[in-house]
Amino acid sequence: MKKKADYQKMLLKMIRPLTRHYTDDGSGLYLGAFSAGYGNRIAEMEGFSRVLWGLASYWAGGGEDESLLSVYQKGLAAGTDPEASSY
């Protein structure tokens, strides 16, 4: 039977390789020119938000690895700032 810590480790194992693929302002996750019927910018935002689903649950559940916390804080700030290029 798996414990919460096992799932937390699996999540981190899946998302750690993605770290080098975040855009400079952190608001997107660039994984190549592959999108499902929309432009790359939308695909970057979708990649960013899909990982956030796992991280939000991880952090809310007591996960202690905060190595991506600053990336997501920066990305959310940039993506919600009307003056930012990634708004």
PDB file of N, CA and C in Angstrom:
ATOM      1  N   MET A   1       0.849  -1.185   0.000  1.00  0.00           N
ATOM      2  CA  MET A   1       0.000   0.000   0.000  1.00  0.00           C
ATOM      3  C   MET A   1       0.895   1.250   0.000  1.00  0.00           C
ATOM      4  N   LYS A   2       0.614   2.139  -0.942  1.00  0.00           N
ATOM      5  CA  LYS A   2       1.413   3.359  -1.051  1.00  0.00           C
ATOM      6  C   LYS A   2       0.950   4.398  -0.042  1.00  0.00           C
ATOM      7  N   LYS A   3       1.896   5.171   0.423  1.00  0.00           N
ATOM      8  CA  LYS A   3       1.610   6.246   1.366  1.00  0.00           C
ATOM      9  C   LYS A   3       1.700   7.587   0.644  1.00  0.00           C
ATOM     10  N   LYS A   4       1.209   8.619   1.290  1.00  0.00           N
ATOM     11  CA  LYS A   4       1.235   9.956   0.688  1.00  0.00           C
ATOM     12  C   LYS A   4       2.653  10.343   0.283  1.00  0.00           C
ATOM     13  N   ALA A   5       3.621  10.018   1.103  1.00  0.00           N
ATOM     14  CA  ALA A   5       5.011  10.361   0.791  1.00  0.00           C
ATOM     15  C   ALA A   5       5.469   9.712  -0.514  1.00  0.00           C
ATOM     16  N   ASP A   6       4.967   8.510  -0.805  1.00  0.00           N
ATOM     17  CA  ASP A   6       5.317   7.839  -2.055  1.00  0.00           C
ATOM     18  C   ASP A   6       4.797   8.628  -3.255  1.00  0.00           C
ATOM     19  N   TYR A   7       3.577   9.106  -3.160  1.00  0.00           N
ATOM     20  CA  TYR A   7       2.994   9.895  -4.249  1.00  0.00           C
ATOM     21  C   TYR A   7       3.688  11.245  -4.390  1.00  0.00           C
ATOM     22  N   GLN A   8       4.078  11.827  -3.276  1.00  0.00           N
ATOM     23  CA  GLN A   8       4.802  13.089  -3.331  1.00  0.00           C
ATOM     24  C   GLN A   8       6.141  12.897  -4.047  1.00  0.00           C
ATOM     25  N   LYS A   9       6.827  11.811  -3.747  1.00  0.00           N
ATOM     26  CA  LYS A   9       8.108  11.520  -4.405  1.00  0.00           C
ATOM     27  C   LYS A   9       7.901  11.299  -5.903  1.00  0.00           C
ATOM     28  N   MET A  10       6.833  10.591  -6.266  1.00  0.00           N
ATOM     29  CA  MET A  10       6.554  10.351  -7.681  1.00  0.00           C
ATOM     30  C   MET A  10       6.290  11.655  -8.422  1.00  0.00           C
ATOM     31  N   LEU A  11       5.525  12.552  -7.803  1.00  0.00           N
ATOM     32  CA  LEU A  11       5.254  13.844  -8.434  1.00  0.00           C
ATOM     33  C   LEU A  11       6.559  14.588  -8.689  1.00  0.00           C
ATOM     34  N   LEU A  12       7.397  14.681  -7.670  1.00  0.00           N
ATOM     35  CA  LEU A  12       8.659  15.403  -7.823  1.00  0.00           C
ATOM     36  C   LEU A  12       9.549  14.750  -8.875  1.00  0.00           C
ATOM     37  N   LYS A  13       9.539  13.448  -8.939  1.00  0.00           N
ATOM     38  CA  LYS A  13      10.338  12.739  -9.941  1.00  0.00           C
ATOM     39  C   LYS A  13       9.857  13.074 -11.353  1.00  0.00           C
ATOM     40  N   MET A  14       8.541  13.265 -11.509  1.00  0.00           N
ATOM     41  CA  MET A  14       8.001  13.600 -12.833  1.00  0.00           C
ATOM     42  C   MET A  14       8.269  15.044 -13.225  1.00  0.00           C
ATOM     43  N   ILE A  15       8.211  15.964 -12.266  1.00  0.00           N
ATOM     44  CA  ILE A  15       8.293  17.383 -12.636  1.00  0.00           C
ATOM     45  C   ILE A  15       9.694  17.971 -12.566  1.00  0.00           C
ATOM     46  N   ARG A  16      10.607  17.372 -11.850  1.00  0.00           N
ATOM     47  CA  ARG A  16      11.966  17.933 -11.758  1.00  0.00           C
ATOM     48  C   ARG A  16      12.638  18.120 -13.122  1.00  0.00           C
ATOM     49  N   PRO A  17      12.509  17.169 -14.048  1.00  0.00           N
ATOM     50  CA  PRO A  17      13.148  17.368 -15.359  1.00  0.00           C
ATOM     51  C   PRO A  17      12.572  18.545 -16.148  1.00  0.00           C
ATOM     52  N   LEU A  18      11.412  19.032 -15.767  1.00  0.00           N
ATOM     53  CA  LEU A  18      10.789  20.144 -16.486  1.00  0.00           C
ATOM     54  C   LEU A  18      11.393  21.495 -16.133  1.00  0.00           C
ATOM     55  N   THR A  19      12.134  21.574 -15.043  1.00  0.00           N
ATOM     56  CA  THR A  19      12.587  22.865 -14.517  1.00  0.00           C
ATOM     57  C   THR A  19      13.307  23.725 -15.540  1.00  0.00           C
ATOM     58  N   ARG A  20      14.090  23.134 -16.378  1.00  0.00           N
ATOM     59  CA  ARG A  20      14.862  23.925 -17.355  1.00  0.00           C
ATOM     60  C   ARG A  20      14.015  24.419 -18.520  1.00  0.00           C
ATOM     61  N   HIS A  21      12.751  24.015 -18.584  1.00  0.00           N
ATOM     62  CA  HIS A  21      11.889  24.367 -19.713  1.00  0.00           C
ATOM     63  C   HIS A  21      10.916  25.523 -19.425  1.00  0.00           C
ATOM     64  N   TYR A  22      10.977  26.100 -18.240  1.00  0.00           N
ATOM     65  CA  TYR A  22      10.101  27.237 -17.942  1.00  0.00           C
ATOM     66  C   TYR A  22      10.592  28.471 -18.685  1.00  0.00           C
ATOM     67  N   THR A  23       9.656  29.315 -19.093  1.00  0.00           N
ATOM     68  CA  THR A  23      10.024  30.556 -19.769  1.00  0.00           C
ATOM     69  C   THR A  23      10.761  31.456 -18.780  1.00  0.00           C
ATOM     70  N   ASP A  24      11.429  32.472 -19.287  1.00  0.00           N
ATOM     71  CA  ASP A  24      12.232  33.354 -18.430  1.00  0.00           C
ATOM     72  C   ASP A  24      11.417  33.984 -17.302  1.00  0.00           C
ATOM     73  N   ASP A  25      10.184  34.379 -17.608  1.00  0.00           N
ATOM     74  CA  ASP A  25       9.375  35.009 -16.558  1.00  0.00           C
ATOM     75  C   ASP A  25       8.589  33.981 -15.745  1.00  0.00           C
ATOM     76  N   GLY A  26       8.790  32.699 -16.048  1.00  0.00           N
ATOM     77  CA  GLY A  26       8.155  31.637 -15.282  1.00  0.00           C
ATOM     78  C   GLY A  26       6.700  31.383 -15.606  1.00  0.00           C
ATOM     79  N   SER A  27       6.126  32.142 -16.541  1.00  0.00           N
ATOM     80  CA  SER A  27       4.687  32.042 -16.792  1.00  0.00           C
ATOM     81  C   SER A  27       4.313  30.941 -17.773  1.00  0.00           C
ATOM     82  N   GLY A  28       5.294  30.248 -18.319  1.00  0.00           N
ATOM     83  CA  GLY A  28       4.993  29.195 -19.281  1.00  0.00           C
ATOM     84  C   GLY A  28       5.987  28.064 -19.175  1.00  0.00           C
ATOM     85  N   LEU A  29       5.607  26.944 -19.728  1.00  0.00           N
ATOM     86  CA  LEU A  29       6.457  25.764 -19.750  1.00  0.00           C
ATOM     87  C   LEU A  29       6.584  25.342 -21.209  1.00  0.00           C
ATOM     88  N   TYR A  30       7.755  25.579 -21.800  1.00  0.00           N
ATOM     89  CA  TYR A  30       7.970  25.292 -23.212  1.00  0.00           C
ATOM     90  C   TYR A  30       8.493  23.876 -23.371  1.00  0.00           C
ATOM     91  N   LEU A  31       7.705  23.026 -24.013  1.00  0.00           N
ATOM     92  CA  LEU A  31       8.097  21.629 -24.205  1.00  0.00           C
ATOM     93  C   LEU A  31       8.275  21.281 -25.677  1.00  0.00           C
ATOM     94  N   GLY A  32       8.366  22.282 -26.523  1.00  0.00           N
ATOM     95  CA  GLY A  32       8.535  22.064 -27.944  1.00  0.00           C
ATOM     96  C   GLY A  32       7.344  22.597 -28.712  1.00  0.00           C
ATOM     97  N   ALA A  33       7.419  22.497 -30.013  1.00  0.00           N
ATOM     98  CA  ALA A  33       6.362  23.046 -30.870  1.00  0.00           C
ATOM     99  C   ALA A  33       5.258  22.016 -31.102  1.00  0.00           C
ATOM    100  N   PHE A  34       4.687  21.559 -30.034  1.00  0.00           N
ATOM    101  CA  PHE A  34       3.604  20.573 -30.120  1.00  0.00           C
ATOM    102  C   PHE A  34       2.403  21.103 -29.351  1.00  0.00           C
ATOM    103  N   SER A  35       1.364  21.462 -30.046  1.00  0.00           N
ATOM    104  CA  SER A  35       0.166  21.937 -29.365  1.00  0.00           C
ATOM    105  C   SER A  35      -1.051  21.290 -29.983  1.00  0.00           C
ATOM    106  N   ALA A  36      -2.113  21.262 -29.229  1.00  0.00           N
ATOM    107  CA  ALA A  36      -3.341  20.571 -29.660  1.00  0.00           C
ATOM    108  C   ALA A  36      -4.322  21.556 -30.292  1.00  0.00           C
ATOM    109  N   GLY A  37      -3.979  22.078 -31.445  1.00  0.00           N
ATOM    110  CA  GLY A  37      -4.896  22.940 -32.172  1.00  0.00           C
ATOM    111  C   GLY A  37      -4.867  24.401 -31.773  1.00  0.00           C
ATOM    112  N   TYR A  38      -3.892  24.823 -31.017  1.00  0.00           N
ATOM    113  CA  TYR A  38      -3.756  26.230 -30.662  1.00  0.00           C
ATOM    114  C   TYR A  38      -2.274  26.576 -30.643  1.00  0.00           C
ATOM    115  N   GLY A  39      -1.973  27.835 -30.490  1.00  0.00           N
ATOM    116  CA  GLY A  39      -0.596  28.298 -30.574  1.00  0.00           C
ATOM    117  C   GLY A  39       0.289  27.849 -29.426  1.00  0.00           C
ATOM    118  N   ASN A  40       1.581  28.041 -29.629  1.00  0.00           N
ATOM    119  CA  ASN A  40       2.556  27.622 -28.625  1.00  0.00           C
ATOM    120  C   ASN A  40       2.421  28.372 -27.314  1.00  0.00           C
ATOM    121  N   ARG A  41       2.058  29.651 -27.360  1.00  0.00           N
ATOM    122  CA  ARG A  41       1.925  30.423 -26.115  1.00  0.00           C
ATOM    123  C   ARG A  41       0.837  29.827 -25.232  1.00  0.00           C
ATOM    124  N   ILE A  42      -0.269  29.437 -25.825  1.00  0.00           N
ATOM    125  CA  ILE A  42      -1.344  28.799 -25.061  1.00  0.00           C
ATOM    126  C   ILE A  42      -0.864  27.454 -24.528  1.00  0.00           C
ATOM    127  N   ALA A  43      -0.110  26.714 -25.344  1.00  0.00           N
ATOM    128  CA  ALA A  43       0.428  25.427 -24.899  1.00  0.00           C
ATOM    129  C   ALA A  43       1.381  25.611 -23.717  1.00  0.00           C
ATOM    130  N   GLU A  44       2.169  26.686 -23.723  1.00  0.00           N
ATOM    131  CA  GLU A  44       3.068  26.982 -22.600  1.00  0.00           C
ATOM    132  C   GLU A  44       2.275  27.254 -21.328  1.00  0.00           C
ATOM    133  N   MET A  45       1.208  28.025 -21.466  1.00  0.00           N
ATOM    134  CA  MET A  45       0.370  28.327 -20.294  1.00  0.00           C
ATOM    135  C   MET A  45      -0.301  27.056 -19.772  1.00  0.00           C
ATOM    136  N   GLU A  46      -0.733  26.202 -20.690  1.00  0.00           N
ATOM    137  CA  GLU A  46      -1.365  24.956 -20.277  1.00  0.00           C
ATOM    138  C   GLU A  46      -0.371  24.053 -19.547  1.00  0.00           C
ATOM    139  N   GLY A  47       0.841  23.948 -20.065  1.00  0.00           N
ATOM    140  CA  GLY A  47       1.866  23.150 -19.397  1.00  0.00           C
ATOM    141  C   GLY A  47       2.158  23.667 -18.003  1.00  0.00           C
ATOM    142  N   PHE A  48       2.263  24.982 -17.882  1.00  0.00           N
ATOM    143  CA  PHE A  48       2.478  25.631 -16.582  1.00  0.00           C
ATOM    144  C   PHE A  48       1.358  25.269 -15.612  1.00  0.00           C
ATOM    145  N   SER A  49       0.121  25.399 -16.062  1.00  0.00           N
ATOM    146  CA  SER A  49      -1.018  25.182 -15.163  1.00  0.00           C
ATOM    147  C   SER A  49      -1.232  23.709 -14.831  1.00  0.00           C
ATOM    148  N   ARG A  50      -0.919  22.810 -15.742  1.00  0.00           N
ATOM    149  CA  ARG A  50      -1.086  21.377 -15.442  1.00  0.00           C
ATOM    150  C   ARG A  50      -0.150  20.937 -14.323  1.00  0.00           C
ATOM    151  N   VAL A  51       1.076  21.416 -14.351  1.00  0.00           N
ATOM    152  CA  VAL A  51       2.021  21.079 -13.279  1.00  0.00           C
ATOM    153  C   VAL A  51       1.553  21.705 -11.966  1.00  0.00           C
ATOM    154  N   LEU A  52       0.982  22.897 -12.061  1.00  0.00           N
ATOM    155  CA  LEU A  52       0.504  23.571 -10.853  1.00  0.00           C
ATOM    156  C   LEU A  52      -0.583  22.769 -10.129  1.00  0.00           C
ATOM    157  N   TRP A  53      -1.409  22.028 -10.877  1.00  0.00           N
ATOM    158  CA  TRP A  53      -2.423  21.171 -10.238  1.00  0.00           C
ATOM    159  C   TRP A  53      -1.758  20.214  -9.257  1.00  0.00           C
ATOM    160  N   GLY A  54      -0.682  19.606  -9.680  1.00  0.00           N
ATOM    161  CA  GLY A  54       0.021  18.670  -8.803  1.00  0.00           C
ATOM    162  C   GLY A  54       0.744  19.366  -7.676  1.00  0.00           C
ATOM    163  N   LEU A  55       1.397  20.487  -7.984  1.00  0.00           N
ATOM    164  CA  LEU A  55       2.151  21.193  -6.959  1.00  0.00           C
ATOM    165  C   LEU A  55       1.255  21.801  -5.882  1.00  0.00           C
ATOM    166  N   ALA A  56       0.120  22.340  -6.278  1.00  0.00           N
ATOM    167  CA  ALA A  56      -0.792  22.929  -5.281  1.00  0.00           C
ATOM    168  C   ALA A  56      -1.243  21.862  -4.290  1.00  0.00           C
ATOM    169  N   SER A  57      -1.578  20.689  -4.786  1.00  0.00           N
ATOM    170  CA  SER A  57      -1.971  19.588  -3.899  1.00  0.00           C
ATOM    171  C   SER A  57      -0.798  19.134  -3.042  1.00  0.00           C
ATOM    172  N   TYR A  58       0.362  19.076  -3.656  1.00  0.00           N
ATOM    173  CA  TYR A  58       1.582  18.676  -2.938  1.00  0.00           C
ATOM    174  C   TYR A  58       1.855  19.623  -1.773  1.00  0.00           C
ATOM    175  N   TRP A  59       1.877  20.926  -2.066  1.00  0.00           N
ATOM    176  CA  TRP A  59       2.169  21.901  -1.008  1.00  0.00           C
ATOM    177  C   TRP A  59       1.063  21.956   0.041  1.00  0.00           C
ATOM    178  N   ALA A  60      -0.185  21.896  -0.390  1.00  0.00           N
ATOM    179  CA  ALA A  60      -1.299  21.922   0.565  1.00  0.00           C
ATOM    180  C   ALA A  60      -1.291  20.685   1.456  1.00  0.00           C
ATOM    181  N   GLY A  61      -0.757  19.583   0.939  1.00  0.00           N
ATOM    182  CA  GLY A  61      -0.704  18.339   1.693  1.00  0.00           C
ATOM    183  C   GLY A  61       0.540  18.187   2.543  1.00  0.00           C
ATOM    184  N   GLY A  62       1.317  19.254   2.656  1.00  0.00           N
ATOM    185  CA  GLY A  62       2.494  19.213   3.530  1.00  0.00           C
ATOM    186  C   GLY A  62       3.807  18.958   2.824  1.00  0.00           C
ATOM    187  N   GLY A  63       3.794  18.927   1.495  1.00  0.00           N
ATOM    188  CA  GLY A  63       5.040  18.731   0.750  1.00  0.00           C
ATOM    189  C   GLY A  63       6.030  19.845   1.062  1.00  0.00           C
ATOM    190  N   GLU A  64       7.279  19.478   1.260  1.00  0.00           N
ATOM    191  CA  GLU A  64       8.267  20.451   1.743  1.00  0.00           C
ATOM    192  C   GLU A  64       9.227  20.965   0.682  1.00  0.00           C
ATOM    193  N   ASP A  65       9.304  20.320  -0.466  1.00  0.00           N
ATOM    194  CA  ASP A  65      10.215  20.774  -1.514  1.00  0.00           C
ATOM    195  C   ASP A  65       9.624  22.025  -2.169  1.00  0.00           C
ATOM    196  N   GLU A  66      10.295  23.139  -2.002  1.00  0.00           N
ATOM    197  CA  GLU A  66       9.799  24.406  -2.544  1.00  0.00           C
ATOM    198  C   GLU A  66      10.673  24.909  -3.694  1.00  0.00           C
ATOM    199  N   SER A  67      11.382  23.999  -4.350  1.00  0.00           N
ATOM    200  CA  SER A  67      12.301  24.415  -5.412  1.00  0.00           C
ATOM    201  C   SER A  67      11.581  25.086  -6.582  1.00  0.00           C
ATOM    202  N   LEU A  68      10.316  24.776  -6.806  1.00  0.00           N
ATOM    203  CA  LEU A  68       9.563  25.421  -7.883  1.00  0.00           C
ATOM    204  C   LEU A  68       8.619  26.512  -7.380  1.00  0.00           C
ATOM    205  N   LEU A  69       8.590  26.731  -6.100  1.00  0.00           N
ATOM    206  CA  LEU A  69       7.675  27.734  -5.555  1.00  0.00           C
ATOM    207  C   LEU A  69       7.956  29.118  -6.127  1.00  0.00           C
ATOM    208  N   SER A  70       9.211  29.523  -6.169  1.00  0.00           N
ATOM    209  CA  SER A  70       9.534  30.863  -6.682  1.00  0.00           C
ATOM    210  C   SER A  70       9.210  30.978  -8.171  1.00  0.00           C
ATOM    211  N   VAL A  71       9.386  29.881  -8.929  1.00  0.00           N
ATOM    212  CA  VAL A  71       9.041  29.891 -10.357  1.00  0.00           C
ATOM    213  C   VAL A  71       7.548  30.155 -10.513  1.00  0.00           C
ATOM    214  N   TYR A  72       6.733  29.478  -9.716  1.00  0.00           N
ATOM    215  CA  TYR A  72       5.286  29.641  -9.843  1.00  0.00           C
ATOM    216  C   TYR A  72       4.796  30.978  -9.289  1.00  0.00           C
ATOM    217  N   GLN A  73       5.431  31.476  -8.254  1.00  0.00           N
ATOM    218  CA  GLN A  73       5.076  32.811  -7.765  1.00  0.00           C
ATOM    219  C   GLN A  73       5.378  33.861  -8.831  1.00  0.00           C
ATOM    220  N   LYS A  74       6.556  33.760  -9.420  1.00  0.00           N
ATOM    221  CA  LYS A  74       6.971  34.690 -10.476  1.00  0.00           C
ATOM    222  C   LYS A  74       6.063  34.558 -11.701  1.00  0.00           C
ATOM    223  N   GLY A  75       5.769  33.327 -12.101  1.00  0.00           N
ATOM    224  CA  GLY A  75       4.931  33.085 -13.267  1.00  0.00           C
ATOM    225  C   GLY A  75       3.506  33.571 -13.086  1.00  0.00           C
ATOM    226  N   LEU A  76       2.935  33.324 -11.924  1.00  0.00           N
ATOM    227  CA  LEU A  76       1.570  33.800 -11.651  1.00  0.00           C
ATOM    228  C   LEU A  76       1.525  35.321 -11.618  1.00  0.00           C
ATOM    229  N   ALA A  77       2.560  35.935 -11.042  1.00  0.00           N
ATOM    230  CA  ALA A  77       2.612  37.402 -10.999  1.00  0.00           C
ATOM    231  C   ALA A  77       2.715  37.968 -12.417  1.00  0.00           C
ATOM    232  N   ALA A  78       3.577  37.384 -13.239  1.00  0.00           N
ATOM    233  CA  ALA A  78       3.746  37.870 -14.611  1.00  0.00           C
ATOM    234  C   ALA A  78       2.495  37.634 -15.444  1.00  0.00           C
ATOM    235  N   GLY A  79       1.865  36.498 -15.271  1.00  0.00           N
ATOM    236  CA  GLY A  79       0.689  36.157 -16.069  1.00  0.00           C
ATOM    237  C   GLY A  79      -0.562  36.921 -15.696  1.00  0.00           C
ATOM    238  N   THR A  80      -0.554  37.554 -14.539  1.00  0.00           N
ATOM    239  CA  THR A  80      -1.731  38.311 -14.104  1.00  0.00           C
ATOM    240  C   THR A  80      -1.474  39.819 -14.066  1.00  0.00           C
ATOM    241  N   ASP A  81      -0.302  40.228 -14.517  1.00  0.00           N
ATOM    242  CA  ASP A  81       0.061  41.651 -14.567  1.00  0.00           C
ATOM    243  C   ASP A  81      -0.282  42.205 -15.946  1.00  0.00           C
ATOM    244  N   PRO A  82      -1.274  43.091 -16.047  1.00  0.00           N
ATOM    245  CA  PRO A  82      -1.648  43.637 -17.356  1.00  0.00           C
ATOM    246  C   PRO A  82      -0.506  44.340 -18.088  1.00  0.00           C
ATOM    247  N   GLU A  83       0.517  44.749 -17.372  1.00  0.00           N
ATOM    248  CA  GLU A  83       1.660  45.428 -17.977  1.00  0.00           C
ATOM    249  C   GLU A  83       2.733  44.465 -18.471  1.00  0.00           C
ATOM    250  N   ALA A  84       2.653  43.196 -18.088  1.00  0.00           N
ATOM    251  CA  ALA A  84       3.663  42.210 -18.478  1.00  0.00           C
ATOM    252  C   ALA A  84       3.403  41.681 -19.876  1.00  0.00           C
ATOM    253  N   SER A  85       4.458  41.293 -20.553  1.00  0.00           N
ATOM    254  CA  SER A  85       4.309  40.777 -21.925  1.00  0.00           C
ATOM    255  C   SER A  85       3.589  39.434 -21.968  1.00  0.00           C
ATOM    256  N   SER A  86       3.596  38.713 -20.876  1.00  0.00           N
ATOM    257  CA  SER A  86       2.952  37.390 -20.853  1.00  0.00           C
ATOM    258  C   SER A  86       1.539  37.420 -20.288  1.00  0.00           C
ATOM    259  N   TYR A  87       0.991  38.606 -20.131  1.00  0.00           N
ATOM    260  CA  TYR A  87      -0.389  38.738 -19.612  1.00  0.00           C
ATOM    261  C   TYR A  87      -1.378  38.150 -20.571  1.00  0.00           C
TER     262      TYR A  87
END
